[in-house]
Amino acid sequence: MDKRFNDNGKLLTEFGKFRTIECPSCKKPIDYIPPRIVCIHCGFNKELKNQTMLYQSFPISSIELKDYLQASCCKNVLWAQNLNHLKFLEDYVRAELRERKPNINRSVISQLPKWIKDAKNRSEILKTIKVLKMKLKSNGYTKNKT
């Protein structure tokens, strides 16, 4: 187990320009790089305009896109933008010593809800992250290189 995590002020935008979403057609995980959705599983292909990317689900024209990496955890929703973001959260939660540079109030870590930061939730959060990773693997997820 990693004992130390250093928050260097990483922003959510630094995890990549894509989100892992559920394909609107076959429900398998795909990486969405705006403005086009392309599913490698079923061939779904659509260009979307005026996207508003919010947490967990985001309506775009007549299609509602759902983030694939979300699960109920500790009476809340654990959410990650993509596999890179999920791995970052896993590293943070696993660490027993969490260090932050002062005055970095826009970092991903500074924006996390208290229940994720609370050490008493560590084992349940790590279990949920493992479930999300297994869900990706079992559904044929291929990681985007972006």
N, C-alpha and C. Protein backbone atom coordinates (compact mmCIF):
# COMPACT_ATOMS: atom_id res chain seq x y z
N MET A 1 0.85 -1.18 0.00
CA MET A 1 0.00 0.00 0.00
C MET A 1 0.89 1.24 0.00
N ASP A 2 0.58 2.18 -0.91
CA ASP A 2 1.32 3.44 -0.94
C ASP A 2 0.95 4.24 0.29
N LYS A 3 1.95 4.72 0.98
CA LYS A 3 1.71 5.45 2.22
C LYS A 3 1.56 6.95 1.99
N ARG A 4 2.04 7.46 0.86
CA ARG A 4 2.10 8.90 0.67
C ARG A 4 1.50 9.31 -0.68
N PHE A 5 0.76 10.42 -0.66
CA PHE A 5 0.20 11.01 -1.88
C PHE A 5 0.52 12.49 -1.85
N ASN A 6 1.11 13.00 -2.92
CA ASN A 6 1.40 14.43 -3.02
C ASN A 6 0.47 15.08 -4.03
N ASP A 7 -0.32 16.04 -3.56
CA ASP A 7 -1.20 16.80 -4.44
C ASP A 7 -0.38 17.96 -5.00
N ASN A 8 -0.09 17.88 -6.28
CA ASN A 8 0.68 18.94 -6.93
C ASN A 8 -0.21 19.93 -7.67
N GLY A 9 -1.49 19.92 -7.35
CA GLY A 9 -2.40 20.88 -7.96
C GLY A 9 -2.98 20.44 -9.29
N LYS A 10 -3.02 19.14 -9.55
CA LYS A 10 -3.54 18.63 -10.82
C LYS A 10 -5.00 19.04 -11.00
N LEU A 11 -5.33 19.52 -12.21
CA LEU A 11 -6.69 19.93 -12.55
C LEU A 11 -7.41 18.81 -13.28
N LEU A 12 -8.73 18.80 -13.22
CA LEU A 12 -9.53 17.78 -13.89
C LEU A 12 -9.23 17.73 -15.39
N THR A 13 -8.96 18.88 -15.98
CA THR A 13 -8.68 18.94 -17.42
C THR A 13 -7.39 18.23 -17.81
N GLU A 14 -6.53 17.94 -16.85
CA GLU A 14 -5.25 17.29 -17.12
C GLU A 14 -5.37 15.77 -17.28
N PHE A 15 -6.55 15.22 -17.11
CA PHE A 15 -6.72 13.78 -17.23
C PHE A 15 -7.02 13.35 -18.66
N GLY A 16 -7.06 14.26 -19.58
CA GLY A 16 -7.32 13.93 -20.97
C GLY A 16 -8.51 14.68 -21.51
N LYS A 17 -8.61 14.71 -22.80
CA LYS A 17 -9.69 15.45 -23.46
C LYS A 17 -10.83 14.52 -23.83
N PHE A 18 -11.01 13.46 -23.07
CA PHE A 18 -12.07 12.52 -23.34
C PHE A 18 -12.70 12.06 -22.04
N ARG A 19 -13.90 11.52 -22.18
CA ARG A 19 -14.62 10.94 -21.05
C ARG A 19 -15.05 9.54 -21.43
N THR A 20 -15.00 8.64 -20.49
CA THR A 20 -15.47 7.29 -20.73
C THR A 20 -16.97 7.29 -20.44
N ILE A 21 -17.73 7.02 -21.49
CA ILE A 21 -19.18 7.06 -21.38
C ILE A 21 -19.78 5.71 -21.76
N GLU A 22 -21.05 5.58 -21.50
CA GLU A 22 -21.82 4.41 -21.91
C GLU A 22 -22.34 4.68 -23.32
N CYS A 23 -22.08 3.77 -24.26
CA CYS A 23 -22.59 3.95 -25.62
C CYS A 23 -24.11 4.06 -25.57
N PRO A 24 -24.69 5.07 -26.22
CA PRO A 24 -26.15 5.23 -26.20
C PRO A 24 -26.89 4.06 -26.84
N SER A 25 -26.18 3.30 -27.67
CA SER A 25 -26.82 2.18 -28.37
C SER A 25 -26.63 0.85 -27.65
N CYS A 26 -25.39 0.43 -27.42
CA CYS A 26 -25.12 -0.91 -26.87
C CYS A 26 -24.79 -0.92 -25.38
N LYS A 27 -24.63 0.26 -24.78
CA LYS A 27 -24.36 0.42 -23.34
C LYS A 27 -22.97 -0.02 -22.91
N LYS A 28 -22.06 -0.28 -23.84
CA LYS A 28 -20.69 -0.66 -23.50
C LYS A 28 -19.85 0.61 -23.31
N PRO A 29 -18.69 0.51 -22.64
CA PRO A 29 -17.85 1.69 -22.39
C PRO A 29 -17.07 2.12 -23.63
N ILE A 30 -17.12 3.41 -23.90
CA ILE A 30 -16.34 4.00 -24.99
C ILE A 30 -15.79 5.34 -24.54
N ASP A 31 -14.73 5.79 -25.19
CA ASP A 31 -14.18 7.10 -24.89
C ASP A 31 -14.79 8.12 -25.84
N TYR A 32 -15.38 9.14 -25.25
CA TYR A 32 -16.04 10.21 -26.02
C TYR A 32 -15.09 11.39 -26.12
N ILE A 33 -14.72 11.72 -27.35
CA ILE A 33 -13.90 12.89 -27.62
C ILE A 33 -14.78 13.84 -28.42
N PRO A 34 -15.25 14.92 -27.79
CA PRO A 34 -16.16 15.82 -28.49
C PRO A 34 -15.59 16.30 -29.82
N PRO A 35 -16.41 16.45 -30.84
CA PRO A 35 -17.86 16.37 -30.80
C PRO A 35 -18.43 15.04 -31.31
N ARG A 36 -17.62 14.01 -31.54
CA ARG A 36 -18.12 12.78 -32.16
C ARG A 36 -18.09 11.59 -31.21
N ILE A 37 -19.20 10.83 -31.23
CA ILE A 37 -19.27 9.57 -30.50
C ILE A 37 -19.07 8.47 -31.53
N VAL A 38 -18.11 7.60 -31.27
CA VAL A 38 -17.85 6.45 -32.13
C VAL A 38 -17.71 5.23 -31.23
N CYS A 39 -18.58 4.24 -31.43
CA CYS A 39 -18.53 3.03 -30.62
C CYS A 39 -17.81 1.93 -31.38
N ILE A 40 -16.74 1.41 -30.78
CA ILE A 40 -15.99 0.33 -31.42
C ILE A 40 -16.70 -1.01 -31.27
N HIS A 41 -17.72 -1.07 -30.43
CA HIS A 41 -18.43 -2.32 -30.19
C HIS A 41 -19.58 -2.52 -31.17
N CYS A 42 -20.42 -1.50 -31.35
CA CYS A 42 -21.62 -1.67 -32.19
C CYS A 42 -21.62 -0.80 -33.45
N GLY A 43 -20.65 0.11 -33.56
CA GLY A 43 -20.58 0.96 -34.74
C GLY A 43 -21.38 2.26 -34.65
N PHE A 44 -22.00 2.51 -33.52
CA PHE A 44 -22.73 3.77 -33.34
C PHE A 44 -21.79 4.93 -33.64
N ASN A 45 -22.26 5.89 -34.44
CA ASN A 45 -21.41 7.00 -34.86
C ASN A 45 -22.29 8.24 -35.03
N LYS A 46 -22.01 9.26 -34.26
CA LYS A 46 -22.82 10.47 -34.35
C LYS A 46 -22.00 11.67 -33.92
N GLU A 47 -22.14 12.75 -34.68
CA GLU A 47 -21.50 14.01 -34.30
C GLU A 47 -22.51 14.82 -33.51
N LEU A 48 -22.06 15.33 -32.37
CA LEU A 48 -22.93 16.10 -31.50
C LEU A 48 -22.41 17.52 -31.39
N LYS A 49 -23.31 18.45 -31.34
CA LYS A 49 -22.93 19.85 -31.22
C LYS A 49 -23.49 20.41 -29.92
N ASN A 50 -22.90 21.50 -29.46
CA ASN A 50 -23.35 22.20 -28.25
C ASN A 50 -23.38 21.29 -27.03
N GLN A 51 -22.30 20.54 -26.83
CA GLN A 51 -22.27 19.65 -25.68
C GLN A 51 -22.03 20.43 -24.39
N THR A 52 -22.73 20.02 -23.36
CA THR A 52 -22.54 20.55 -22.02
C THR A 52 -22.12 19.38 -21.17
N MET A 53 -20.85 19.33 -20.81
CA MET A 53 -20.34 18.16 -20.09
C MET A 53 -20.39 18.41 -18.59
N LEU A 54 -21.42 17.85 -17.96
CA LEU A 54 -21.59 17.94 -16.52
C LEU A 54 -21.18 16.62 -15.90
N TYR A 55 -21.16 16.56 -14.59
CA TYR A 55 -20.83 15.31 -13.91
C TYR A 55 -21.96 14.30 -14.07
N GLN A 56 -21.59 13.03 -14.21
CA GLN A 56 -22.44 11.86 -14.19
C GLN A 56 -23.31 11.67 -15.43
N SER A 57 -24.01 12.66 -15.89
CA SER A 57 -24.71 12.53 -17.17
C SER A 57 -24.82 13.93 -17.74
N PHE A 58 -24.84 13.98 -19.04
CA PHE A 58 -24.90 15.29 -19.67
C PHE A 58 -25.74 15.20 -20.93
N PRO A 59 -26.82 16.00 -20.99
CA PRO A 59 -27.70 15.96 -22.15
C PRO A 59 -27.06 16.68 -23.33
N ILE A 60 -27.12 16.06 -24.48
CA ILE A 60 -26.61 16.67 -25.70
C ILE A 60 -27.65 16.41 -26.78
N SER A 61 -28.21 17.45 -27.34
CA SER A 61 -29.29 17.36 -28.30
C SER A 61 -30.32 16.35 -27.79
N SER A 62 -30.65 15.32 -28.56
CA SER A 62 -31.68 14.38 -28.15
C SER A 62 -31.11 13.15 -27.44
N ILE A 63 -29.80 13.11 -27.26
CA ILE A 63 -29.15 11.95 -26.63
C ILE A 63 -28.62 12.36 -25.26
N GLU A 64 -28.90 11.54 -24.27
CA GLU A 64 -28.30 11.79 -22.96
C GLU A 64 -27.14 10.82 -22.78
N LEU A 65 -25.96 11.37 -22.60
CA LEU A 65 -24.77 10.54 -22.42
C LEU A 65 -24.54 10.32 -20.93
N LYS A 66 -24.23 9.07 -20.58
CA LYS A 66 -23.98 8.73 -19.18
C LYS A 66 -22.51 8.39 -19.00
N ASP A 67 -21.92 8.94 -17.96
CA ASP A 67 -20.56 8.55 -17.62
C ASP A 67 -20.58 7.08 -17.22
N TYR A 68 -19.63 6.33 -17.71
CA TYR A 68 -19.56 4.89 -17.43
C TYR A 68 -18.96 4.62 -16.06
N LEU A 69 -18.04 5.45 -15.66
CA LEU A 69 -17.32 5.24 -14.40
C LEU A 69 -18.02 5.94 -13.24
N GLN A 70 -19.14 5.40 -12.85
CA GLN A 70 -19.86 5.92 -11.70
C GLN A 70 -20.55 4.75 -11.00
N ALA A 71 -20.57 4.84 -9.68
CA ALA A 71 -21.20 3.78 -8.88
C ALA A 71 -21.59 4.34 -7.53
N SER A 72 -22.58 3.73 -6.96
CA SER A 72 -23.01 4.10 -5.62
C SER A 72 -21.95 3.66 -4.62
N CYS A 73 -21.63 4.57 -3.69
CA CYS A 73 -20.57 4.29 -2.72
C CYS A 73 -20.77 5.20 -1.51
N CYS A 74 -20.79 4.63 -0.33
CA CYS A 74 -20.89 5.41 0.92
C CYS A 74 -22.09 6.37 0.90
N LYS A 75 -23.21 5.90 0.37
CA LYS A 75 -24.45 6.69 0.26
C LYS A 75 -24.29 7.91 -0.65
N ASN A 76 -23.32 7.85 -1.57
CA ASN A 76 -23.07 8.91 -2.54
C ASN A 76 -22.78 8.26 -3.89
N VAL A 77 -22.36 9.07 -4.85
CA VAL A 77 -21.95 8.54 -6.15
C VAL A 77 -20.47 8.81 -6.34
N LEU A 78 -19.72 7.73 -6.54
CA LEU A 78 -18.30 7.85 -6.88
C LEU A 78 -18.25 7.99 -8.39
N TRP A 79 -17.56 9.01 -8.88
CA TRP A 79 -17.54 9.33 -10.29
C TRP A 79 -16.12 9.62 -10.75
N ALA A 80 -15.78 9.16 -11.96
CA ALA A 80 -14.49 9.48 -12.57
C ALA A 80 -14.70 9.79 -14.04
N GLN A 81 -13.95 10.73 -14.54
CA GLN A 81 -14.04 11.16 -15.94
C GLN A 81 -13.57 10.06 -16.89
N ASN A 82 -12.48 9.39 -16.53
CA ASN A 82 -11.92 8.33 -17.36
C ASN A 82 -11.00 7.48 -16.48
N LEU A 83 -10.35 6.50 -17.09
CA LEU A 83 -9.51 5.59 -16.33
C LEU A 83 -8.33 6.30 -15.65
N ASN A 84 -7.76 7.32 -16.29
CA ASN A 84 -6.67 8.09 -15.68
C ASN A 84 -7.15 8.77 -14.39
N HIS A 85 -8.33 9.35 -14.45
CA HIS A 85 -8.91 10.03 -13.29
C HIS A 85 -9.22 9.00 -12.19
N LEU A 86 -9.75 7.84 -12.57
CA LEU A 86 -10.05 6.80 -11.59
C LEU A 86 -8.79 6.32 -10.87
N LYS A 87 -7.71 6.14 -11.62
CA LYS A 87 -6.43 5.71 -11.05
C LYS A 87 -5.90 6.77 -10.07
N PHE A 88 -6.04 8.04 -10.43
CA PHE A 88 -5.63 9.14 -9.56
C PHE A 88 -6.41 9.11 -8.24
N LEU A 89 -7.72 8.93 -8.33
CA LEU A 89 -8.55 8.84 -7.13
C LEU A 89 -8.16 7.64 -6.28
N GLU A 90 -7.88 6.53 -6.94
CA GLU A 90 -7.46 5.33 -6.22
C GLU A 90 -6.15 5.58 -5.44
N ASP A 91 -5.19 6.21 -6.10
CA ASP A 91 -3.92 6.52 -5.45
C ASP A 91 -4.13 7.43 -4.24
N TYR A 92 -5.02 8.41 -4.39
CA TYR A 92 -5.30 9.35 -3.30
C TYR A 92 -5.95 8.62 -2.12
N VAL A 93 -6.98 7.86 -2.40
CA VAL A 93 -7.73 7.20 -1.33
C VAL A 93 -6.86 6.16 -0.62
N ARG A 94 -6.03 5.45 -1.36
CA ARG A 94 -5.18 4.41 -0.79
C ARG A 94 -4.11 4.97 0.16
N ALA A 95 -3.66 6.19 -0.10
CA ALA A 95 -2.56 6.77 0.68
C ALA A 95 -2.96 7.06 2.12
N GLU A 96 -2.06 6.75 3.02
CA GLU A 96 -2.29 7.03 4.43
C GLU A 96 -1.86 8.45 4.80
N LEU A 97 -0.89 8.99 4.06
CA LEU A 97 -0.43 10.36 4.27
C LEU A 97 -0.70 11.14 2.98
N ARG A 98 -1.53 12.17 3.09
CA ARG A 98 -1.93 12.96 1.93
C ARG A 98 -1.41 14.38 2.10
N GLU A 99 -0.46 14.75 1.26
CA GLU A 99 0.17 16.07 1.36
C GLU A 99 -0.32 16.97 0.25
N ARG A 100 -0.53 18.25 0.59
CA ARG A 100 -0.98 19.24 -0.38
C ARG A 100 -0.08 20.46 -0.33
N LYS A 101 0.16 21.02 -1.50
CA LYS A 101 0.81 22.33 -1.52
C LYS A 101 -0.22 23.34 -1.06
N PRO A 102 0.17 24.32 -0.27
CA PRO A 102 -0.81 25.31 0.20
C PRO A 102 -1.34 26.16 -0.95
N ASN A 103 -2.56 26.63 -0.77
CA ASN A 103 -3.22 27.56 -1.69
C ASN A 103 -3.42 27.01 -3.10
N ILE A 104 -3.65 25.73 -3.21
CA ILE A 104 -4.02 25.15 -4.52
C ILE A 104 -5.49 24.78 -4.42
N ASN A 105 -6.34 25.77 -4.61
CA ASN A 105 -7.77 25.55 -4.39
C ASN A 105 -8.56 25.16 -5.62
N ARG A 106 -7.90 25.00 -6.75
CA ARG A 106 -8.61 24.54 -7.94
C ARG A 106 -8.24 23.11 -8.30
N SER A 107 -7.37 22.50 -7.53
CA SER A 107 -6.93 21.15 -7.84
C SER A 107 -8.08 20.16 -7.68
N VAL A 108 -7.94 19.00 -8.30
CA VAL A 108 -8.94 17.95 -8.18
C VAL A 108 -9.14 17.58 -6.72
N ILE A 109 -8.05 17.45 -6.00
CA ILE A 109 -8.13 17.04 -4.59
C ILE A 109 -8.88 18.08 -3.75
N SER A 110 -8.65 19.34 -4.01
CA SER A 110 -9.34 20.37 -3.21
C SER A 110 -10.84 20.39 -3.46
N GLN A 111 -11.27 19.83 -4.59
CA GLN A 111 -12.68 19.83 -4.95
C GLN A 111 -13.40 18.54 -4.54
N LEU A 112 -12.66 17.57 -4.02
CA LEU A 112 -13.29 16.31 -3.64
C LEU A 112 -14.23 16.50 -2.46
N PRO A 113 -15.34 15.77 -2.46
CA PRO A 113 -16.24 15.85 -1.30
C PRO A 113 -15.61 15.22 -0.07
N LYS A 114 -16.08 15.62 1.08
CA LYS A 114 -15.53 15.16 2.36
C LYS A 114 -15.58 13.64 2.50
N TRP A 115 -16.64 13.02 2.03
CA TRP A 115 -16.78 11.57 2.21
C TRP A 115 -15.67 10.80 1.49
N ILE A 116 -15.11 11.33 0.41
CA ILE A 116 -14.00 10.67 -0.28
C ILE A 116 -12.71 10.89 0.51
N LYS A 117 -12.57 12.03 1.11
CA LYS A 117 -11.37 12.35 1.88
C LYS A 117 -11.32 11.65 3.23
N ASP A 118 -12.47 11.21 3.70
CA ASP A 118 -12.57 10.60 5.03
C ASP A 118 -11.96 9.20 5.04
N ALA A 119 -10.95 8.99 5.88
CA ALA A 119 -10.24 7.71 5.95
C ALA A 119 -11.16 6.54 6.31
N LYS A 120 -12.23 6.79 7.03
CA LYS A 120 -13.13 5.70 7.42
C LYS A 120 -13.84 5.07 6.21
N ASN A 121 -13.88 5.78 5.09
CA ASN A 121 -14.52 5.26 3.87
C ASN A 121 -13.52 4.60 2.92
N ARG A 122 -12.25 4.56 3.30
CA ARG A 122 -11.18 4.08 2.41
C ARG A 122 -11.49 2.71 1.81
N SER A 123 -11.80 1.73 2.64
CA SER A 123 -11.97 0.37 2.12
C SER A 123 -13.18 0.27 1.19
N GLU A 124 -14.28 0.93 1.51
CA GLU A 124 -15.46 0.87 0.63
C GLU A 124 -15.19 1.57 -0.70
N ILE A 125 -14.50 2.69 -0.67
CA ILE A 125 -14.18 3.41 -1.91
C ILE A 125 -13.24 2.58 -2.78
N LEU A 126 -12.22 1.99 -2.17
CA LEU A 126 -11.28 1.16 -2.94
C LEU A 126 -11.99 -0.06 -3.53
N LYS A 127 -12.93 -0.62 -2.80
CA LYS A 127 -13.72 -1.75 -3.31
C LYS A 127 -14.56 -1.31 -4.52
N THR A 128 -15.15 -0.13 -4.43
CA THR A 128 -15.97 0.39 -5.53
C THR A 128 -15.11 0.68 -6.76
N ILE A 129 -13.93 1.22 -6.55
CA ILE A 129 -13.01 1.47 -7.67
C ILE A 129 -12.64 0.16 -8.35
N LYS A 130 -12.39 -0.86 -7.57
CA LYS A 130 -12.07 -2.18 -8.12
C LYS A 130 -13.24 -2.71 -8.97
N VAL A 131 -14.45 -2.55 -8.47
CA VAL A 131 -15.65 -2.98 -9.20
C VAL A 131 -15.74 -2.23 -10.54
N LEU A 132 -15.48 -0.92 -10.54
CA LEU A 132 -15.54 -0.14 -11.77
C LEU A 132 -14.49 -0.61 -12.78
N LYS A 133 -13.29 -0.91 -12.30
CA LYS A 133 -12.23 -1.41 -13.18
C LYS A 133 -12.61 -2.76 -13.77
N MET A 134 -13.18 -3.64 -12.96
CA MET A 134 -13.62 -4.95 -13.43
C MET A 134 -14.75 -4.82 -14.45
N LYS A 135 -15.64 -3.88 -14.21
CA LYS A 135 -16.75 -3.62 -15.13
C LYS A 135 -16.21 -3.20 -16.50
N LEU A 136 -15.20 -2.32 -16.49
CA LEU A 136 -14.57 -1.92 -17.75
C LEU A 136 -13.97 -3.11 -18.47
N LYS A 137 -13.18 -3.87 -17.74
CA LYS A 137 -12.48 -5.02 -18.32
C LYS A 137 -13.45 -6.05 -18.89
N SER A 138 -14.49 -6.37 -18.14
CA SER A 138 -15.44 -7.39 -18.57
C SER A 138 -16.30 -6.95 -19.75
N ASN A 139 -16.35 -5.65 -20.02
CA ASN A 139 -17.15 -5.14 -21.13
C ASN A 139 -16.30 -4.72 -22.33
N GLY A 140 -15.06 -5.19 -22.38
CA GLY A 140 -14.22 -4.99 -23.56
C GLY A 140 -13.71 -3.58 -23.76
N TYR A 141 -13.47 -2.86 -22.68
CA TYR A 141 -12.98 -1.49 -22.80
C TYR A 141 -11.57 -1.46 -23.36
N THR A 142 -11.37 -0.58 -24.33
CA THR A 142 -10.05 -0.33 -24.91
C THR A 142 -9.70 1.11 -24.58
N LYS A 143 -8.62 1.32 -23.84
CA LYS A 143 -8.23 2.66 -23.38
C LYS A 143 -7.81 3.54 -24.55
N ASN A 144 -8.30 4.76 -24.52
CA ASN A 144 -7.94 5.77 -25.52
C ASN A 144 -6.53 6.25 -25.24
N LYS A 145 -5.78 6.53 -26.29
CA LYS A 145 -4.39 6.98 -26.14
C LYS A 145 -4.27 8.47 -25.85
N THR A 146 -5.38 9.22 -25.92
CA THR A 146 -5.35 10.67 -25.76
C THR A 146 -5.10 11.07 -24.33
